[in-house]
Protein backbone atom coordinates (compact mmCIF):
# COMPACT_ATOMS: atom_id res chain seq x y z
CA MET A 1 -5.06 -20.58 -20.37
CA LEU A 2 -2.06 -22.78 -19.62
CA LEU A 3 1.45 -21.94 -18.54
CA LEU A 4 3.66 -23.70 -21.05
CA THR A 5 7.41 -23.96 -21.33
CA ALA A 6 8.15 -22.06 -24.51
CA LEU A 7 10.83 -20.56 -26.69
CA VAL A 8 11.09 -16.82 -26.96
CA MET A 9 11.11 -15.22 -30.37
CA PRO A 10 14.11 -12.91 -30.83
CA ALA A 11 13.44 -9.26 -30.09
CA SER A 12 14.22 -8.28 -33.67
CA ALA A 13 11.30 -10.36 -34.83
CA GLN A 14 8.80 -8.79 -32.47
CA GLU A 15 6.06 -6.42 -33.52
CA THR A 16 2.86 -5.31 -31.85
CA LEU A 17 0.39 -8.13 -32.33
CA GLY A 18 -3.34 -7.99 -33.03
CA ALA A 19 -6.32 -8.25 -30.70
CA GLY A 20 -5.76 -11.07 -28.21
CA GLU A 21 -2.79 -12.37 -30.18
CA GLY A 22 -0.19 -11.54 -27.55
CA ALA A 23 0.94 -14.01 -24.93
CA PRO A 24 -0.62 -13.52 -21.50
CA ILE A 25 1.09 -11.13 -19.12
CA ILE A 26 2.39 -13.34 -16.32
CA TYR A 27 2.79 -11.55 -13.01
CA PRO A 28 4.29 -12.93 -9.77
CA ASN A 29 2.83 -12.87 -6.29
CA PHE A 30 4.50 -14.28 -3.21
CA GLY A 31 3.43 -14.48 0.40
CA GLY A 32 0.03 -16.09 -0.02
CA ASP A 33 -3.10 -15.88 -2.11
CA PRO A 34 -5.08 -12.69 -2.71
CA THR A 35 -7.90 -12.42 -0.20
CA THR A 36 -10.56 -10.57 -2.21
CA PHE A 37 -11.33 -9.11 -5.63
CA ASN A 38 -13.96 -6.76 -4.22
CA PRO A 39 -12.58 -3.19 -4.57
CA LEU A 40 -14.31 -2.12 -1.35
CA LEU A 41 -12.53 -4.71 0.80
CA VAL A 42 -8.96 -4.79 -0.54
CA ASN A 43 -6.19 -4.38 2.03
CA ASP A 44 -3.26 -6.36 0.59
CA GLY A 45 -0.96 -6.01 -2.39
CA GLY A 46 -1.90 -9.23 -4.16
CA SER A 47 -5.59 -8.40 -4.13
CA SER A 48 -4.86 -4.83 -5.24
CA ALA A 49 -2.87 -6.04 -8.24
CA VAL A 50 -5.80 -8.13 -9.49
CA VAL A 51 -8.45 -5.48 -8.78
CA ALA A 52 -6.42 -2.90 -10.72
CA ARG A 53 -6.66 -5.09 -13.83
CA ILE A 54 -10.43 -5.76 -13.71
CA PHE A 55 -11.99 -2.63 -12.18
CA PRO A 56 -11.71 0.98 -13.33
CA ALA A 57 -10.91 4.01 -11.21
CA PHE A 58 -13.39 6.77 -10.50
CA ILE A 59 -10.87 9.52 -11.32
CA GLY A 60 -7.66 8.80 -13.20
CA ILE A 61 -4.20 10.32 -13.49
CA ASP A 62 -2.10 11.41 -16.41
CA PRO A 63 0.69 8.78 -16.42
CA PHE A 64 3.23 11.37 -17.56
CA THR A 65 2.51 14.03 -14.92
CA GLY A 66 0.85 12.14 -12.07
CA ALA A 67 -1.95 14.73 -12.00
CA PHE A 68 -5.63 13.86 -11.79
CA VAL A 69 -7.25 14.76 -15.13
CA PRO A 70 -10.79 14.54 -16.52
CA GLY A 71 -11.34 11.68 -18.94
CA ALA A 72 -8.17 9.81 -17.99
CA ALA A 73 -7.79 6.34 -19.46
CA GLY A 74 -9.05 3.65 -17.11
CA ALA A 75 -11.34 5.99 -15.16
CA ILE A 76 -15.07 6.67 -15.47
CA ALA A 77 -15.19 10.40 -14.62
CA SER A 78 -15.19 12.40 -17.85
CA ASP A 79 -15.23 15.83 -16.21
CA TRP A 80 -16.09 17.76 -13.06
CA THR A 81 -16.97 21.22 -11.80
CA ILE A 82 -16.47 22.90 -8.41
CA SER A 83 -18.96 25.10 -6.59
CA GLU A 84 -18.05 28.67 -5.68
CA ASP A 85 -17.70 27.81 -1.99
CA GLY A 86 -15.30 24.96 -2.84
CA ARG A 87 -17.34 22.35 -1.00
CA THR A 88 -19.26 20.63 -3.80
CA TYR A 89 -17.77 18.72 -6.73
CA THR A 90 -20.05 17.58 -9.53
CA PHE A 91 -18.72 14.72 -11.67
CA THR A 92 -19.98 13.50 -15.03
CA ILE A 93 -19.85 9.78 -15.74
CA ARG A 94 -18.67 8.61 -19.14
CA ASP A 95 -21.23 7.11 -21.51
CA ASP A 96 -18.83 5.23 -23.82
CA TRP A 97 -17.99 2.33 -21.52
CA THR A 98 -19.96 -0.50 -19.92
CA TRP A 99 -19.59 -3.26 -17.39
CA SER A 100 -18.78 -6.71 -18.77
CA ASP A 101 -22.48 -7.66 -18.83
CA GLY A 102 -23.24 -4.67 -21.06
CA THR A 103 -24.73 -2.49 -18.32
CA PRO A 104 -23.65 1.18 -18.62
CA PHE A 105 -21.76 2.85 -15.80
CA THR A 106 -24.01 5.04 -13.67
CA SER A 107 -23.65 7.42 -10.77
CA MET A 108 -25.03 4.71 -8.49
CA ASP A 109 -21.78 2.77 -9.02
CA ILE A 110 -20.12 5.48 -6.92
CA LYS A 111 -22.96 6.26 -4.51
CA TYR A 112 -23.51 2.61 -3.58
CA ALA A 113 -19.77 2.21 -2.95
CA TYR A 114 -19.71 5.28 -0.70
CA ASP A 115 -22.82 4.22 1.21
CA ALA A 116 -21.28 0.82 1.88
CA ILE A 117 -17.97 2.35 2.99
CA VAL A 118 -19.59 4.66 5.57
CA SER A 119 -22.17 2.13 6.73
CA GLY A 120 -19.85 0.65 9.32
CA GLN A 121 -20.98 -2.81 8.18
CA ILE A 122 -18.09 -3.84 5.92
CA ASN A 123 -14.43 -4.57 6.66
CA THR A 124 -12.98 -1.80 4.55
CA PRO A 125 -9.81 0.28 4.94
CA LEU A 126 -11.50 3.12 3.01
CA ALA A 127 -13.63 4.56 5.82
CA SER A 128 -10.90 6.88 7.10
CA ALA A 129 -10.20 8.08 3.55
CA VAL A 130 -13.64 9.67 3.20
CA VAL A 131 -14.07 11.28 6.62
CA THR A 132 -14.06 14.75 5.03
CA VAL A 133 -17.07 13.88 2.83
CA GLU A 134 -20.46 15.12 3.98
CA SER A 135 -22.56 13.38 1.32
CA VAL A 136 -22.53 11.63 -2.05
CA GLU A 137 -25.61 11.96 -4.23
CA ALA A 138 -26.67 10.57 -7.61
CA PRO A 139 -29.26 13.05 -8.97
CA ASP A 140 -29.31 11.34 -12.36
CA PRO A 141 -27.60 8.29 -13.91
CA LYS A 142 -24.61 10.26 -15.20
CA THR A 143 -24.04 12.77 -12.37
CA VAL A 144 -22.28 12.28 -9.03
CA VAL A 145 -22.37 15.14 -6.53
CA ILE A 146 -19.85 14.97 -3.67
CA THR A 147 -20.17 17.56 -0.93
CA PHE A 148 -17.37 18.00 1.58
CA VAL A 149 -17.73 19.10 5.18
CA ALA A 150 -15.52 22.10 4.35
CA PRO A 151 -13.42 23.23 1.40
CA THR A 152 -10.43 20.93 1.19
CA CYS A 153 -7.21 20.92 -0.81
CA THR A 154 -7.43 17.14 -1.15
CA ALA A 155 -10.99 16.86 -2.49
CA ILE A 156 -10.04 15.11 -5.74
CA ASN A 157 -7.71 12.73 -3.90
CA VAL A 158 -10.51 11.85 -1.49
CA ALA A 159 -13.09 11.41 -4.25
CA SER A 160 -10.67 9.20 -6.18
CA SER A 161 -10.50 6.79 -3.24
CA ILE A 162 -14.12 5.71 -3.87
CA PRO A 163 -13.95 2.73 -6.26
CA PRO A 164 -16.69 2.14 -8.84
CA ILE A 165 -18.52 -1.13 -8.26
CA PRO A 166 -21.31 -2.76 -10.33
CA SER A 167 -24.15 -1.36 -8.24
CA HIS A 168 -26.80 -3.25 -10.21
CA VAL A 169 -25.14 -6.51 -9.15
CA PHE A 170 -24.42 -5.45 -5.57
CA THR A 171 -27.95 -4.17 -5.09
CA GLU A 172 -29.34 -7.53 -6.14
CA LEU A 173 -26.87 -9.49 -4.00
CA PHE A 174 -26.74 -7.36 -0.85
CA GLY A 175 -29.28 -4.55 -1.03
CA THR A 176 -28.53 -2.28 1.92
CA ASP A 177 -27.51 -5.18 4.16
CA TYR A 178 -23.88 -4.43 3.35
CA ALA A 179 -22.55 -6.83 5.99
CA GLN A 180 -23.39 -9.73 3.66
CA MET A 181 -20.60 -8.48 1.45
CA ASN A 182 -17.83 -9.38 3.90
CA ASP A 183 -18.03 -13.12 3.34
CA SER A 184 -19.72 -13.27 -0.06
CA PRO A 185 -18.48 -15.88 -2.56
CA TRP A 186 -18.65 -13.06 -5.14
CA ASN A 187 -15.51 -11.55 -3.63
CA LEU A 188 -13.33 -14.32 -5.07
CA ALA A 189 -15.39 -15.00 -8.19
CA PRO A 190 -16.63 -11.63 -9.49
CA THR A 191 -19.21 -12.09 -12.23
CA VAL A 192 -19.18 -8.53 -13.57
CA THR A 193 -16.04 -6.44 -14.04
CA ALA A 194 -14.89 -3.68 -16.42
CA ASP A 195 -11.30 -2.96 -17.39
CA ALA A 196 -8.69 -4.23 -19.84
CA PHE A 197 -9.30 -7.76 -18.53
CA ASP A 198 -12.25 -9.75 -17.26
CA PHE A 199 -12.15 -12.27 -14.43
CA GLY A 200 -11.49 -15.83 -15.55
CA ASN A 201 -10.84 -18.03 -12.54
CA PHE A 202 -8.92 -18.33 -9.30
CA ARG A 203 -7.12 -21.51 -8.29
CA PRO A 204 -5.91 -21.00 -4.70
CA GLY A 205 -2.23 -21.68 -4.28
CA GLU A 206 -1.70 -21.64 -8.06
CA GLN A 207 -2.91 -18.66 -10.05
CA VAL A 208 -5.50 -16.04 -10.89
CA THR A 209 -6.45 -15.97 -14.57
CA LEU A 210 -7.93 -12.96 -16.32
CA VAL A 211 -8.95 -12.81 -19.98
CA ALA A 212 -8.75 -9.93 -22.44
CA ASN A 213 -11.76 -7.62 -22.57
CA GLN A 214 -11.98 -6.52 -26.20
CA ASN A 215 -14.80 -4.14 -25.25
CA TYR A 216 -12.42 -2.08 -23.13
CA ALA A 217 -13.08 1.49 -24.21
CA ASP A 218 -9.64 2.88 -23.37
CA ALA A 219 -7.42 0.36 -25.13
CA GLN A 220 -4.32 2.20 -26.34
CA LEU A 221 -4.47 0.56 -29.79
CA GLY A 222 -8.23 0.19 -29.99
CA TYR A 223 -7.94 -3.42 -28.80
CA VAL A 224 -6.30 -5.43 -26.03
CA VAL A 225 -3.18 -7.23 -27.26
CA PRO A 226 -2.48 -9.83 -24.52
CA GLN A 227 -4.85 -12.78 -24.50
CA GLY A 228 -4.96 -12.45 -20.73
CA TRP A 229 -3.21 -11.67 -17.46
CA ILE A 230 -2.08 -14.32 -15.00
CA MET A 231 -0.95 -13.94 -11.42
CA ARG A 232 1.18 -16.88 -10.33
CA MET A 233 1.53 -17.74 -6.65
CA LEU A 234 5.21 -18.26 -5.84
CA ALA A 235 7.00 -19.11 -2.63
CA SER A 236 9.44 -16.21 -2.47
CA GLN A 237 11.14 -13.40 -4.34
CA THR A 238 14.06 -15.74 -4.97
CA VAL A 239 11.71 -18.05 -6.85
CA GLU A 240 10.32 -15.03 -8.73
CA VAL A 241 13.75 -14.25 -10.13
CA GLU A 242 14.44 -17.85 -11.13
CA GLU A 243 11.08 -18.10 -12.88
CA PHE A 244 11.71 -14.81 -14.67
CA LEU A 245 15.12 -15.94 -15.87
CA ALA A 246 13.54 -19.18 -17.08
CA GLY A 247 11.10 -17.16 -19.23
CA ASN A 248 8.05 -18.05 -17.13
CA LEU A 249 7.23 -14.51 -15.98
CA THR A 250 6.67 -11.36 -18.02
CA ILE A 251 7.67 -8.90 -15.33
CA ILE A 252 8.97 -8.54 -11.79
CA PRO A 253 7.59 -5.27 -10.41
CA SER A 254 10.11 -5.05 -7.56
CA VAL A 255 13.46 -6.80 -7.85
CA PRO A 256 14.92 -8.09 -4.56
CA GLU A 257 18.08 -6.26 -3.53
CA ASP A 258 20.28 -9.35 -3.57
CA ARG A 259 19.59 -9.95 -7.29
CA GLN A 260 19.66 -6.38 -8.57
CA ALA A 261 23.29 -6.39 -9.75
CA GLU A 262 22.74 -9.63 -11.68
CA LEU A 263 19.63 -8.36 -13.43
CA GLU A 264 21.14 -4.95 -14.09
CA ALA A 265 23.98 -6.67 -15.96
CA LEU A 266 21.43 -8.50 -18.11
CA ALA A 267 19.65 -5.21 -18.79
CA ASP A 268 22.94 -3.55 -19.78
CA ALA A 269 23.52 -6.44 -22.19
CA GLY A 270 20.08 -5.87 -23.75
CA GLU A 271 18.73 -9.25 -22.68
CA ILE A 272 15.99 -7.83 -20.45
CA GLN A 273 14.41 -4.42 -19.85
CA MET A 274 14.82 -2.54 -16.57
CA HIS A 275 13.09 0.52 -15.13
CA LYS A 276 14.27 2.26 -11.96
CA GLY A 277 12.28 4.63 -9.83
CA PRO A 278 12.20 5.86 -6.24
CA SER A 279 10.08 3.81 -3.92
CA ALA A 280 6.67 5.29 -3.18
CA GLY A 281 6.83 3.76 0.28
CA TRP A 282 9.03 2.35 2.98
CA GLN A 283 10.00 -0.79 4.76
CA PHE A 284 8.84 0.08 8.24
CA LEU A 285 8.46 -1.35 11.70
CA SER A 286 5.20 -0.53 13.45
CA PHE A 287 5.21 -0.44 17.23
CA ASN A 288 1.98 -1.37 18.99
CA LEU A 289 1.48 1.44 21.50
CA ALA A 290 -1.71 -0.07 22.94
CA ASP A 291 -2.54 -3.15 24.97
CA PRO A 292 -2.14 -6.00 22.45
CA THR A 293 -4.38 -8.28 24.52
CA ASN A 294 -7.37 -5.93 24.11
CA PRO A 295 -7.38 -4.30 20.65
CA ARG A 296 -9.95 -1.51 20.40
CA ASN A 297 -10.99 1.01 17.78
CA GLY A 298 -9.59 4.52 18.15
CA LEU A 299 -12.97 6.26 18.24
CA ASP A 300 -16.41 5.42 19.56
CA ALA A 301 -19.67 5.94 17.67
CA ASP A 302 -19.70 9.62 18.67
CA GLY A 303 -16.16 10.21 17.44
CA SER A 304 -14.63 10.41 20.91
CA PRO A 305 -11.27 8.70 21.62
CA ILE A 306 -11.37 5.29 23.29
CA ASP A 307 -8.78 4.40 25.93
CA GLN A 308 -6.37 1.99 24.25
CA GLY A 309 -4.40 0.91 27.29
CA ASN A 310 -0.61 0.82 26.98
CA HIS A 311 1.86 -1.66 25.60
CA PRO A 312 4.13 -2.65 28.51
CA ILE A 313 7.27 -1.84 26.50
CA PHE A 314 6.42 0.37 23.54
CA GLY A 315 3.84 2.48 25.33
CA ASP A 316 6.79 4.59 26.49
CA VAL A 317 8.15 6.85 23.72
CA ARG A 318 11.62 6.78 25.28
CA VAL A 319 11.86 3.04 24.61
CA ARG A 320 10.86 3.59 20.99
CA GLN A 321 13.48 6.32 20.63
CA ALA A 322 16.13 4.07 22.18
CA PHE A 323 15.16 1.41 19.66
CA ALA A 324 15.71 3.88 16.78
CA MET A 325 19.15 4.93 18.06
CA SER A 326 20.18 1.29 18.37
CA ILE A 327 19.93 0.75 14.61
CA ASP A 328 22.98 1.36 12.40
CA HIS A 329 21.44 2.05 8.98
CA ALA A 330 24.81 1.99 7.21
CA ALA A 331 25.37 -1.60 8.30
CA LEU A 332 21.73 -2.42 7.60
CA ASN A 333 21.96 -0.97 4.09
CA ALA A 334 25.13 -2.90 3.27
CA GLY A 335 23.90 -6.17 4.74
CA ALA A 336 20.24 -6.21 3.70
CA PHE A 337 19.72 -3.76 0.84
CA ALA A 338 22.86 -4.21 -1.28
CA GLY A 339 23.72 -0.55 -0.70
CA THR A 340 20.61 0.67 -2.56
CA GLY A 341 18.76 2.14 0.40
CA PHE A 342 18.72 5.29 2.47
CA PRO A 343 17.17 6.23 5.83
CA VAL A 344 14.28 8.66 6.16
CA ALA A 345 13.08 10.71 9.10
CA GLY A 346 9.36 10.15 8.70
CA PRO A 347 6.59 9.20 6.30
CA ILE A 348 7.00 12.15 3.88
CA LEU A 349 9.41 10.99 1.17
CA PRO A 350 12.07 13.11 -0.57
CA GLN A 351 10.24 13.12 -3.91
CA SER A 352 7.19 14.78 -2.32
CA TRP A 353 6.61 18.52 -2.65
CA ALA A 354 5.91 18.51 1.09
CA TYR A 355 9.24 16.93 2.10
CA PRO A 356 10.97 18.93 4.88
CA ASP A 357 14.78 18.89 4.75
CA SER A 358 14.87 20.13 8.33
CA VAL A 359 13.81 16.78 9.85
CA GLN A 360 16.66 14.29 9.87
CA PRO A 361 16.66 10.51 10.49
CA TRP A 362 17.50 9.19 13.93
CA PRO A 363 21.29 8.85 14.40
CA TYR A 364 22.97 5.60 15.34
CA ASP A 365 23.92 6.30 18.95
CA PRO A 366 23.90 3.21 21.21
CA GLU A 367 25.22 5.19 24.18
CA ALA A 368 22.31 7.65 23.99
CA ALA A 369 19.96 4.70 23.54
CA ALA A 370 21.28 3.07 26.71
CA ALA A 371 20.89 6.32 28.64
CA LEU A 372 17.25 6.67 27.50
CA LEU A 373 16.50 3.11 28.59
CA ASP A 374 18.01 3.85 32.00
CA GLU A 375 15.82 6.94 32.26
CA ALA A 376 12.74 4.93 31.23
CA GLY A 377 13.28 2.40 34.01
CA TRP A 378 14.80 -0.40 31.95
CA ILE A 379 18.08 -1.20 33.69
CA ASP A 380 21.15 -3.19 32.77
CA HIS A 381 21.03 -5.40 35.85
CA ASP A 382 24.05 -7.61 35.16
CA ASN A 383 26.28 -5.71 32.70
CA ASN A 384 25.90 -8.64 30.34
CA PRO A 385 24.88 -7.83 26.73
CA ALA A 386 23.73 -11.42 26.28
CA THR A 387 20.81 -10.86 28.64
CA PRO A 388 18.07 -8.26 28.17
CA ARG A 389 17.45 -5.34 30.46
CA ILE A 390 14.69 -5.58 33.07
CA ALA A 391 12.05 -3.14 34.26
CA GLN A 392 12.68 -1.24 37.47
CA GLY A 393 10.28 1.67 37.72
CA ALA A 394 9.17 1.48 34.08
CA LEU A 395 5.97 3.31 33.12
CA TYR A 396 3.83 0.37 32.06
CA ALA A 397 5.74 -2.82 32.94
CA ASP A 398 5.96 -4.58 36.27
CA ASP A 399 9.36 -4.59 37.93
CA GLY A 400 11.39 -7.57 36.78
CA THR A 401 9.79 -7.67 33.31
CA ARG A 402 12.38 -8.43 30.64
CA LEU A 403 12.89 -6.00 27.76
CA SER A 404 11.75 -8.74 25.43
CA PHE A 405 9.24 -8.55 22.60
CA THR A 406 8.20 -10.37 19.44
CA LEU A 407 8.69 -8.89 16.00
CA THR A 408 6.11 -10.34 13.62
CA THR A 409 7.23 -10.54 10.02
CA PHE A 410 6.63 -12.59 6.87
CA SER A 411 8.50 -15.15 4.85
CA GLY A 412 9.75 -14.96 1.29
CA ASN A 413 11.43 -11.54 1.10
CA PRO A 414 15.25 -11.63 1.28
CA SER A 415 15.65 -8.01 2.41
CA VAL A 416 13.14 -8.50 5.23
CA ASP A 417 14.88 -11.71 6.28
CA ALA A 418 18.28 -10.02 6.32
CA SER A 419 17.21 -6.72 7.88
CA THR A 420 15.35 -8.31 10.77
CA LEU A 421 18.34 -10.49 11.67
CA ILE A 422 20.71 -7.52 11.51
CA MET A 423 18.40 -5.39 13.65
CA GLN A 424 18.01 -8.25 16.12
CA ASP A 425 21.79 -8.31 16.60
CA GLN A 426 22.11 -4.51 16.84
CA LEU A 427 19.29 -4.25 19.39
CA ARG A 428 20.84 -6.93 21.57
CA ALA A 429 23.83 -4.61 22.14
CA THR A 430 21.64 -2.07 23.94
CA GLY A 431 19.63 -4.59 25.95
CA PHE A 432 16.62 -5.43 23.76
CA ASP A 433 15.62 -9.05 23.26
CA MET A 434 13.79 -9.16 19.92
CA GLN A 435 12.31 -12.56 19.12
CA LEU A 436 11.26 -13.20 15.51
CA GLU A 437 7.90 -14.59 14.50
CA ILE A 438 8.05 -15.34 10.76
CA ILE A 439 4.70 -16.37 9.30
CA GLU A 440 2.93 -16.57 5.95
CA PHE A 441 2.20 -13.14 4.50
CA GLN A 442 -1.61 -13.12 4.62
CA ALA A 443 -1.59 -14.48 8.17
CA MET A 444 0.83 -11.71 9.05
CA VAL A 445 -1.40 -9.04 7.47
CA GLU A 446 -4.39 -10.37 9.43
CA LYS A 447 -2.46 -10.23 12.69
CA PHE A 448 -1.21 -6.73 11.78
CA LEU A 449 -4.71 -5.38 11.04
CA ASN A 450 -6.14 -7.05 14.14
CA GLN A 451 -3.47 -5.25 16.23
CA GLU A 452 -2.41 -8.48 17.94
CA PHE A 453 1.36 -7.91 17.91
CA ASP A 454 4.20 -6.20 19.76
CA ALA A 455 5.95 -4.91 16.66
CA ALA A 456 5.59 -5.80 12.99
CA VAL A 457 7.54 -5.25 9.76
CA LEU A 458 5.88 -4.53 6.42
CA PHE A 459 6.19 -2.46 3.27
CA PHE A 460 3.70 0.34 2.70
CA GLY A 461 3.26 2.67 -0.25
CA LEU A 462 1.19 5.82 -0.71
CA ASP A 463 0.95 8.67 -3.18
CA PRO A 464 3.97 10.87 -2.33
CA GLN A 465 2.12 13.89 -3.68
CA ASN A 466 -0.78 13.53 -1.22
CA PRO A 467 0.48 13.74 2.38
CA ASP A 468 -3.10 13.82 3.62
CA GLU A 469 -3.15 10.04 3.16
CA PHE A 470 -1.28 9.89 6.47
CA THR A 471 -4.68 10.46 8.06
CA ASP A 472 -5.26 6.75 7.49
CA LEU A 473 -2.02 5.79 9.22
CA PHE A 474 -1.54 8.19 12.11
CA THR A 475 -4.91 9.46 13.36
CA PRO A 476 -7.66 7.78 15.42
CA ALA A 477 -9.93 7.69 12.34
CA GLY A 478 -7.62 5.04 10.88
CA ASP A 479 -7.53 3.00 14.09
CA VAL A 480 -10.15 0.40 13.17
CA VAL A 481 -9.43 -3.12 14.39
CA GLY A 482 -9.42 -5.55 11.49
CA ALA A 483 -9.56 -2.94 8.73
CA GLY A 484 -7.75 0.33 9.50
CA PHE A 485 -4.06 1.05 8.97
CA ASN A 486 -3.37 2.95 12.20
CA VAL A 487 -2.45 -0.36 13.77
CA SER A 488 -0.16 1.37 16.27
CA SER A 489 -3.25 2.97 17.88
CA TYR A 490 -1.32 6.24 17.69
CA ASN A 491 -3.12 9.40 18.76
CA ASN A 492 -1.39 12.76 18.95
CA PRO A 493 -4.08 15.47 18.74
CA ARG A 494 -1.61 18.00 17.32
CA ALA A 495 -0.61 15.62 14.49
CA THR A 496 -4.28 15.10 13.67
CA GLU A 497 -4.88 18.85 13.79
CA LEU A 498 -1.95 19.57 11.47
CA LEU A 499 -3.30 17.24 8.80
CA GLU A 500 -6.67 18.97 9.07
CA LEU A 501 -5.07 22.42 8.84
CA ALA A 502 -2.98 21.40 5.82
CA ARG A 503 -5.99 20.14 3.88
CA THR A 504 -8.04 23.29 4.55
CA VAL A 505 -5.52 26.06 3.85
CA PRO A 506 -7.27 28.98 2.08
CA ASP A 507 -6.49 28.87 -1.65
CA CYS A 508 -4.37 25.78 -0.89
CA ASP A 509 -1.21 27.88 -0.55
CA THR A 510 1.63 25.38 -1.01
CA GLU A 511 4.12 27.05 1.30
CA VAL A 512 1.61 27.29 4.14
CA ARG A 513 0.63 23.66 3.70
CA LYS A 514 4.28 22.61 3.60
CA ALA A 515 4.92 24.32 6.95
CA TYR A 516 2.12 22.29 8.54
CA TYR A 517 3.48 19.06 7.04
CA GLU A 518 6.97 19.93 8.29
CA GLU A 519 5.68 20.11 11.85
CA PHE A 520 3.74 16.89 11.29
CA GLN A 521 6.90 15.13 10.06
CA GLN A 522 8.78 16.30 13.15
CA ILE A 523 6.07 14.98 15.48
CA ILE A 524 6.00 11.55 13.82
CA HIS A 525 9.81 11.50 13.94
CA ASP A 526 9.81 12.26 17.68
CA ASP A 527 6.82 10.11 18.69
CA LEU A 528 7.93 7.14 16.56
CA PRO A 529 4.71 5.16 16.15
CA TRP A 530 6.59 3.66 13.18
CA PHE A 531 10.32 3.23 12.71
CA PHE A 532 11.15 3.78 9.04
CA ILE A 533 13.72 1.12 8.28
CA ASN A 534 14.59 1.90 4.69
CA VAL A 535 13.63 3.48 1.38
CA SER A 536 15.20 2.21 -1.85
CA ILE A 537 15.47 2.91 -5.53
CA VAL A 538 13.30 0.11 -6.87
CA PRO A 539 14.08 -1.61 -10.18
CA SER A 540 11.40 -3.37 -12.19
CA VAL A 541 12.37 -5.80 -14.95
CA ALA A 542 10.48 -7.07 -17.98
CA ARG A 543 11.23 -9.55 -20.73
CA GLY A 544 13.64 -8.30 -23.35
CA ASP A 545 11.17 -9.05 -26.15
CA LEU A 546 8.22 -7.27 -24.50
CA VAL A 547 7.04 -4.63 -26.97
CA ASN A 548 5.44 -1.38 -25.72
CA PHE A 549 6.83 -1.68 -22.19
CA ALA A 550 7.04 2.06 -21.44
CA PRO A 551 6.84 2.78 -17.69
CA THR A 552 6.72 6.36 -16.45
CA GLU A 553 7.66 7.84 -13.11
CA TYR A 554 4.01 7.58 -12.10
CA SER A 555 2.80 4.36 -13.65
CA LEU A 556 4.32 1.02 -14.59
CA TYR A 557 1.15 -0.35 -16.17
CA TRP A 558 -0.55 2.62 -17.86
CA ASN A 559 -0.47 0.88 -21.29
CA ILE A 560 -0.49 -2.77 -20.22
CA ASP A 561 -3.31 -3.50 -22.70
CA ALA A 562 -0.78 -2.81 -25.50
CA TRP A 563 2.05 -4.97 -24.13
CA SER A 564 2.98 -7.47 -26.78
CA TYR A 565 5.14 -10.54 -27.04
CA GLN A 566 4.73 -13.95 -28.59
CA LEU A 567 5.62 -17.42 -27.37
CA THR A 568 6.30 -20.26 -29.79
CA ARG A 569 6.78 -23.89 -28.88
């Protein structure tokens, strides 16, 4: 499947095409190649985008409501029942859909995945997502029984985090020696898949090619229109926009802020299509609270906390708070986000039912920041803003240590480039010396997950309707070196307790749960393991002649198998 320079047929001439008659959907990826196409190992956006096109979900959502529903398109659970005590969920597996080699889906496709996740042998970010599960059983080929440690308000969310895998293939390749999976060639050349597209090939540094799966049971029109799906590796978001304008991309899922006005004008003129929606995540800065020279998991084999040591600068919460009050978001928004952003106080976003209005973002207050640094033993020794403060009686740093640290970030994103430079300048005014380490995206993710940094900037997105996902980010269960997302090594027992209380509220009373999440938001705001830089309204753009492009608030790609456009030479 070649990428060819082509002429676009006028929109008026476009109609939905037949099976495999549509041009391939061409999708951009910048910041490095995907690292795996194994659903159990995915921890980066590029890999996730490919996996979502070739593997089904266990439980799916209604794209118009965002709610989990039985028999959702693209998911293998046709129905489920709940025991009287609320602990056991029994799922039925669909019988109208097969893997690409013709093998039917079975309950073992879920049980094998779960057993691998909890084995401790694979590098998966999913282990903390299933900590509330007591067991997963497969009593017959079409029945999955998931028993939880206790009744939980997030049972379906937790169950949905277990991805179906072709257990018949994995059993033959790995058996129960799951560790073999970590470095298996299969991860980048999957032989058996099952969604709207099948795996074609992967050319590192160039593209991933998928081909239409005309046996896809949930095709919106009864067949898959595009002949395939291609992920192109590009150098930056700037290049993405230029390639889109040249007609070489079908869609840009997230338009960079510095090009939004230009593309919005084209959308207003009817030349392209644009969809806007609130971001489901944040641009954030993660502080490493632990000793970066000795990364350790948060919990030992018995579930007891492990001493993490202390970062010489960010181990002290007062320094983190001074950092937050050194940042002028208004200037940041104007200079880096084209005025499209807004500050948030913590991880719970305004579109979430659990959002607490009572918790407000940190104010810009450099005088208060300077006073906190004085209190924390970081003194202005020469009254010169061009030189950083030094430690004199600081908690974890030797006297004379400079208030200097490295911010690790990645190349290719204009808003990240601009925001880090603006923050660097703002922080200098209160005595911080922030050095920038800008590296390739996948190398940055590896360093981030391995907890070998002082501070790091990334984007992160979660389901706004499921605050329990913060268990992965802000409790010791998610502090797993190399795989977990609690890379700050943050551990506040009350925050952990609040998440547990919120997921186990009797009858799942919304107001009671919201009160717990409000306290949780306040704790994260005050403790600042992460500084939430910005949240934006995110535009996506698609070709003007793309038929059936119909994104909802909850899904951009729910009907991608029906997307239709034609290229002619």
